[in-house]
C-alpha atoms as a PDB file:
ATOM      1  CA  UNK A   1     -54.800   6.927  33.597  1.00  0.00           C
ATOM      2  CA  UNK A   2     -56.901   7.665  30.494  1.00  0.00           C
ATOM      3  CA  UNK A   3     -59.802   5.638  29.225  1.00  0.00           C
ATOM      4  CA  UNK A   4     -59.518   5.679  25.354  1.00  0.00           C
ATOM      5  CA  UNK A   5     -62.556   4.400  23.637  1.00  0.00           C
ATOM      6  CA  UNK A   6     -63.265   1.499  26.024  1.00  0.00           C
ATOM      7  CA  UNK A   7     -61.517  -0.478  28.688  1.00  0.00           C
ATOM      8  CA  UNK A   8     -62.598  -4.091  29.146  1.00  0.00           C
ATOM      9  CA  UNK A   9     -61.837  -6.078  32.220  1.00  0.00           C
ATOM     10  CA  UNK A  10     -62.100  -9.918  31.648  1.00  0.00           C
ATOM     11  CA  UNK A  11     -63.313 -12.484  34.077  1.00  0.00           C
ATOM     12  CA  UNK A  12     -60.949 -14.579  36.182  1.00  0.00           C
ATOM     13  CA  UNK A  13     -62.400 -17.913  35.196  1.00  0.00           C
ATOM     14  CA  UNK A  14     -60.078 -19.944  37.234  1.00  0.00           C
ATOM     15  CA  UNK A  15     -60.951 -18.211  40.478  1.00  0.00           C
ATOM     16  CA  UNK A  16     -64.543 -18.503  39.430  1.00  0.00           C
ATOM     17  CA  UNK A  17     -64.367 -22.271  38.918  1.00  0.00           C
ATOM     18  CA  UNK A  18     -62.580 -22.667  42.166  1.00  0.00           C
ATOM     19  CA  UNK A  19     -65.406 -20.631  43.990  1.00  0.00           C
ATOM     20  CA  UNK A  20     -68.124 -22.721  42.439  1.00  0.00           C
ATOM     21  CA  UNK A  21     -66.407 -25.963  43.497  1.00  0.00           C
ATOM     22  CA  UNK A  22     -66.001 -24.432  47.104  1.00  0.00           C
ATOM     23  CA  UNK A  23     -69.558 -23.598  47.176  1.00  0.00           C
ATOM     24  CA  UNK A  24     -70.620 -27.239  46.095  1.00  0.00           C
ATOM     25  CA  UNK A  25     -68.309 -28.883  48.811  1.00  0.00           C
ATOM     26  CA  UNK A  26     -69.339 -26.568  51.523  1.00  0.00           C
ATOM     27  CA  UNK A  27     -73.070 -27.200  50.772  1.00  0.00           C
ATOM     28  CA  UNK A  28     -72.474 -30.844  50.836  1.00  0.00           C
ATOM     29  CA  UNK A  29     -70.580 -30.732  54.219  1.00  0.00           C
ATOM     30  CA  UNK A  30     -73.411 -28.390  55.480  1.00  0.00           C
ATOM     31  CA  UNK A  31     -76.070 -30.799  54.397  1.00  0.00           C
ATOM     32  CA  UNK A  32     -74.333 -33.693  56.059  1.00  0.00           C
ATOM     33  CA  UNK A  33     -73.917 -31.785  59.183  1.00  0.00           C
ATOM     34  CA  UNK A  34     -77.806 -30.966  59.185  1.00  0.00           C
ATOM     35  CA  UNK A  35     -78.644 -34.650  58.504  1.00  0.00           C
ATOM     36  CA  UNK A  36     -76.596 -35.776  61.298  1.00  0.00           C
ATOM     37  CA  UNK A  37     -77.096 -32.809  64.006  1.00  0.00           C
ATOM     38  CA  UNK A  38     -80.847 -33.027  63.716  1.00  0.00           C
ATOM     39  CA  UNK A  39     -81.199 -36.841  63.112  1.00  0.00           C
ATOM     40  CA  UNK A  40     -83.468 -36.913  66.331  1.00  0.00           C
ATOM     41  CA  UNK A  41     -85.822 -34.130  64.709  1.00  0.00           C
ATOM     42  CA  UNK A  42     -88.937 -35.017  62.659  1.00  0.00           C
ATOM     43  CA  UNK A  43     -88.027 -35.859  59.129  1.00  0.00           C
ATOM     44  CA  UNK A  44     -90.231 -33.034  57.753  1.00  0.00           C
ATOM     45  CA  UNK A  45     -88.062 -30.376  59.652  1.00  0.00           C
ATOM     46  CA  UNK A  46     -84.800 -31.771  58.407  1.00  0.00           C
ATOM     47  CA  UNK A  47     -86.270 -32.127  54.870  1.00  0.00           C
ATOM     48  CA  UNK A  48     -87.336 -28.366  54.939  1.00  0.00           C
ATOM     49  CA  UNK A  49     -83.794 -27.310  56.209  1.00  0.00           C
ATOM     50  CA  UNK A  50     -82.074 -29.546  53.429  1.00  0.00           C
ATOM     51  CA  UNK A  51     -84.215 -27.930  50.838  1.00  0.00           C
ATOM     52  CA  UNK A  52     -83.376 -24.528  51.876  1.00  0.00           C
ATOM     53  CA  UNK A  53     -79.618 -25.439  51.640  1.00  0.00           C
ATOM     54  CA  UNK A  54     -80.249 -26.814  48.252  1.00  0.00           C
ATOM     55  CA  UNK A  55     -82.094 -24.005  46.996  1.00  0.00           C
ATOM     56  CA  UNK A  56     -79.354 -21.625  48.408  1.00  0.00           C
ATOM     57  CA  UNK A  57     -76.681 -23.683  46.665  1.00  0.00           C
ATOM     58  CA  UNK A  58     -78.396 -23.885  43.304  1.00  0.00           C
ATOM     59  CA  UNK A  59     -78.916 -20.012  43.486  1.00  0.00           C
ATOM     60  CA  UNK A  60     -75.546 -19.226  44.176  1.00  0.00           C
ATOM     61  CA  UNK A  61     -74.177 -21.577  41.661  1.00  0.00           C
ATOM     62  CA  UNK A  62     -76.625 -20.027  39.017  1.00  0.00           C
ATOM     63  CA  UNK A  63     -75.195 -16.498  39.866  1.00  0.00           C
ATOM     64  CA  UNK A  64     -71.508 -17.516  39.764  1.00  0.00           C
ATOM     65  CA  UNK A  65     -71.177 -20.347  37.195  1.00  0.00           C
ATOM     66  CA  UNK A  66     -73.349 -18.495  34.535  1.00  0.00           C
ATOM     67  CA  UNK A  67     -70.473 -16.213  33.735  1.00  0.00           C
ATOM     68  CA  UNK A  68     -67.853 -19.256  33.408  1.00  0.00           C
ATOM     69  CA  UNK A  69     -68.990 -19.665  29.742  1.00  0.00           C
ATOM     70  CA  UNK A  70     -69.652 -15.929  28.960  1.00  0.00           C
ATOM     71  CA  UNK A  71     -67.179 -14.693  26.439  1.00  0.00           C
ATOM     72  CA  UNK A  72     -68.116 -11.028  27.208  1.00  0.00           C
ATOM     73  CA  UNK A  73     -65.866  -8.824  29.683  1.00  0.00           C
ATOM     74  CA  UNK A  74     -66.910  -8.663  33.127  1.00  0.00           C
ATOM     75  CA  UNK A  75     -66.827  -4.973  33.334  1.00  0.00           C
ATOM     76  CA  UNK A  76     -66.378  -2.346  30.467  1.00  0.00           C
ATOM     77  CA  UNK A  77     -65.622   1.378  30.949  1.00  0.00           C
ATOM     78  CA  UNK A  78     -66.525   3.494  28.156  1.00  0.00           C
ATOM     79  CA  UNK A  79     -66.776   7.260  27.611  1.00  0.00           C
ATOM     80  CA  UNK A  80     -70.496   6.814  27.815  1.00  0.00           C
ATOM     81  CA  UNK A  81     -70.625   4.884  31.000  1.00  0.00           C
ATOM     82  CA  UNK A  82     -70.092   1.319  32.694  1.00  0.00           C
ATOM     83  CA  UNK A  83     -71.209  -1.865  31.495  1.00  0.00           C
ATOM     84  CA  UNK A  84     -71.446  -4.208  34.458  1.00  0.00           C
ATOM     85  CA  UNK A  85     -71.563  -7.952  33.405  1.00  0.00           C
ATOM     86  CA  UNK A  86     -70.357  -9.344  36.745  1.00  0.00           C
ATOM     87  CA  UNK A  87     -71.839 -12.436  38.362  1.00  0.00           C
ATOM     88  CA  UNK A  88     -74.756 -11.941  40.588  1.00  0.00           C
ATOM     89  CA  UNK A  89     -76.856  -8.771  40.300  1.00  0.00           C
ATOM     90  CA  UNK A  90     -75.297  -7.062  37.354  1.00  0.00           C
ATOM     91  CA  UNK A  91     -77.109  -4.269  35.833  1.00  0.00           C
ATOM     92  CA  UNK A  92     -75.759  -3.948  32.314  1.00  0.00           C
ATOM     93  CA  UNK A  93     -75.075  -0.340  30.933  1.00  0.00           C
ATOM     94  CA  UNK A  94     -74.855   2.473  33.664  1.00  0.00           C
ATOM     95  CA  UNK A  95     -74.757   5.851  31.854  1.00  0.00           C
ATOM     96  CA  UNK A  96     -72.451   8.394  33.481  1.00  0.00           C
ATOM     97  CA  UNK A  97     -75.332  10.787  33.341  1.00  0.00           C
ATOM     98  CA  UNK A  98     -77.374   8.621  35.685  1.00  0.00           C
ATOM     99  CA  UNK A  99     -74.655   8.224  38.360  1.00  0.00           C
ATOM    100  CA  UNK A 100     -74.846  10.683  41.260  1.00  0.00           C
ATOM    101  CA  UNK A 101     -72.072   9.095  43.359  1.00  0.00           C
ATOM    102  CA  UNK A 102     -69.370   6.379  43.471  1.00  0.00           C
ATOM    103  CA  UNK A 103     -67.855   5.144  46.552  1.00  0.00           C
ATOM    104  CA  UNK A 104     -66.413   2.102  48.432  1.00  0.00           C
ATOM    105  CA  UNK A 105     -68.660   0.022  50.612  1.00  0.00           C
ATOM    106  CA  UNK A 106     -67.201  -2.528  52.970  1.00  0.00           C
ATOM    107  CA  UNK A 107     -69.345  -5.514  53.828  1.00  0.00           C
ATOM    108  CA  UNK A 108     -68.454  -6.044  57.254  1.00  0.00           C
ATOM    109  CA  UNK A 109     -70.545  -9.236  58.176  1.00  0.00           C
ATOM    110  CA  UNK A 110     -68.950 -12.140  60.085  1.00  0.00           C
ATOM    111  CA  UNK A 111     -68.749 -14.089  57.012  1.00  0.00           C
ATOM    112  CA  UNK A 112     -67.076 -11.590  54.527  1.00  0.00           C
ATOM    113  CA  UNK A 113     -65.234  -8.394  54.424  1.00  0.00           C
ATOM    114  CA  UNK A 114     -65.303  -7.995  50.623  1.00  0.00           C
ATOM    115  CA  UNK A 115     -65.157  -4.441  49.664  1.00  0.00           C
ATOM    116  CA  UNK A 116     -67.728  -3.391  46.777  1.00  0.00           C
ATOM    117  CA  UNK A 117     -67.907  -0.357  44.475  1.00  0.00           C
ATOM    118  CA  UNK A 118     -71.138   1.169  45.238  1.00  0.00           C
ATOM    119  CA  UNK A 119     -72.835   3.266  42.607  1.00  0.00           C
ATOM    120  CA  UNK A 120     -75.715   5.741  43.544  1.00  0.00           C
ATOM    121  CA  UNK A 121     -77.849   6.584  40.560  1.00  0.00           C
ATOM    122  CA  UNK A 122     -80.455   9.390  39.850  1.00  0.00           C
ATOM    123  CA  UNK A 123     -83.269   6.809  39.349  1.00  0.00           C
ATOM    124  CA  UNK A 124     -82.894   3.517  41.414  1.00  0.00           C
ATOM    125  CA  UNK A 125     -85.987   1.979  40.143  1.00  0.00           C
ATOM    126  CA  UNK A 126     -84.482   1.977  36.681  1.00  0.00           C
ATOM    127  CA  UNK A 127     -81.865  -0.461  37.734  1.00  0.00           C
ATOM    128  CA  UNK A 128     -83.837  -2.188  40.294  1.00  0.00           C
ATOM    129  CA  UNK A 129     -86.113  -3.594  37.757  1.00  0.00           C
ATOM    130  CA  UNK A 130     -83.379  -5.067  35.563  1.00  0.00           C
ATOM    131  CA  UNK A 131     -82.456  -8.666  35.214  1.00  0.00           C
ATOM    132  CA  UNK A 132     -83.938 -12.126  36.324  1.00  0.00           C
ATOM    133  CA  UNK A 133     -86.047 -12.682  39.408  1.00  0.00           C
ATOM    134  CA  UNK A 134     -82.944 -13.675  41.558  1.00  0.00           C
ATOM    135  CA  UNK A 135     -80.916 -10.482  40.360  1.00  0.00           C
ATOM    136  CA  UNK A 136     -83.901  -8.120  41.036  1.00  0.00           C
ATOM    137  CA  UNK A 137     -84.553  -9.709  44.468  1.00  0.00           C
ATOM    138  CA  UNK A 138     -80.759  -9.442  45.334  1.00  0.00           C
ATOM    139  CA  UNK A 139     -80.570  -5.823  43.973  1.00  0.00           C
ATOM    140  CA  UNK A 140     -83.669  -4.934  46.088  1.00  0.00           C
ATOM    141  CA  UNK A 141     -82.199  -6.314  49.285  1.00  0.00           C
ATOM    142  CA  UNK A 142     -79.076  -4.443  48.802  1.00  0.00           C
ATOM    143  CA  UNK A 143     -81.101  -1.249  48.026  1.00  0.00           C
ATOM    144  CA  UNK A 144     -83.192  -1.645  51.182  1.00  0.00           C
ATOM    145  CA  UNK A 145     -80.109  -2.481  53.505  1.00  0.00           C
ATOM    146  CA  UNK A 146     -77.389  -0.346  51.842  1.00  0.00           C
ATOM    147  CA  UNK A 147     -79.402   2.307  49.899  1.00  0.00           C
ATOM    148  CA  UNK A 148     -77.780   1.574  46.612  1.00  0.00           C
ATOM    149  CA  UNK A 149     -79.007  -0.569  43.846  1.00  0.00           C
ATOM    150  CA  UNK A 150     -75.469  -1.200  42.298  1.00  0.00           C
ATOM    151  CA  UNK A 151     -72.505  -2.969  43.879  1.00  0.00           C
ATOM    152  CA  UNK A 152     -69.625  -4.269  41.807  1.00  0.00           C
ATOM    153  CA  UNK A 153     -66.904  -6.505  43.177  1.00  0.00           C
ATOM    154  CA  UNK A 154     -63.453  -7.478  41.776  1.00  0.00           C
ATOM    155  CA  UNK A 155     -63.722 -11.007  43.024  1.00  0.00           C
ATOM    156  CA  UNK A 156     -64.649 -12.490  39.637  1.00  0.00           C
ATOM    157  CA  UNK A 157     -62.309  -9.949  37.578  1.00  0.00           C
ATOM    158  CA  UNK A 158     -58.809  -9.901  36.290  1.00  0.00           C
ATOM    159  CA  UNK A 159     -58.212  -6.620  38.295  1.00  0.00           C
ATOM    160  CA  UNK A 160     -57.375  -5.556  41.777  1.00  0.00           C
ATOM    161  CA  UNK A 161     -60.100  -3.759  43.736  1.00  0.00           C
ATOM    162  CA  UNK A 162     -57.887  -0.802  44.023  1.00  0.00           C
ATOM    163  CA  UNK A 163     -57.278  -0.489  40.412  1.00  0.00           C
ATOM    164  CA  UNK A 164     -60.708  -1.046  39.663  1.00  0.00           C
ATOM    165  CA  UNK A 165     -61.873   1.766  42.033  1.00  0.00           C
ATOM    166  CA  UNK A 166     -59.158   4.079  40.639  1.00  0.00           C
ATOM    167  CA  UNK A 167     -60.182   3.328  36.918  1.00  0.00           C
ATOM    168  CA  UNK A 168     -63.901   3.737  37.439  1.00  0.00           C
ATOM    169  CA  UNK A 169     -63.532   7.003  39.628  1.00  0.00           C
ATOM    170  CA  UNK A 170     -61.062   8.623  37.104  1.00  0.00           C
ATOM    171  CA  UNK A 171     -63.413   7.611  34.303  1.00  0.00           C
ATOM    172  CA  UNK A 172     -66.287   9.238  36.085  1.00  0.00           C
ATOM    173  CA  UNK A 173     -64.275  12.419  36.879  1.00  0.00           C
ATOM    174  CA  UNK A 174     -63.369  12.505  33.172  1.00  0.00           C
ATOM    175  CA  UNK A 175     -66.764  11.554  31.479  1.00  0.00           C
ATOM    176  CA  UNK A 176     -69.311  11.752  34.091  1.00  0.00           C
ATOM    177  CA  UNK A 177     -69.625  15.558  34.519  1.00  0.00           C
ATOM    178  CA  UNK A 178     -69.097  16.364  30.828  1.00  0.00           C
END
């Protein structure tokens, strides 16, 4: 498995579109549940809860749908580093020289068992400050909870998680210690 020049991994746009539709449907169902389950509560409380649901839905849609119309690859592996363009809290270019460790992190919450490729870097602040407000906030939360500012998932990419891990780790071993 050799990375010659660069390896570009495209987005799985069909999967991304179906996830966006699923988010909208789930949010509508949640809003209806809240409306009926809390019908006896004061209208202000219900309004606040529905506003939070709406904010969360819009934030998730922005994260996930922003890449639907992006023609750039989701992940690029080059001899100089990784270019992370995945939805959510992507950080852009990560130089091999900045990377201390690459490992698999399993999110074991009740809602998700999605594994992530976690990347520890020499200067986390360099990556925590990149991107828009939502991406920076999400990345800082990850860093405070999981001690790594960079997490990459295969969910939106046209590659399996195991293949992505092998490719990135092999490239790091080949170029990262040069």
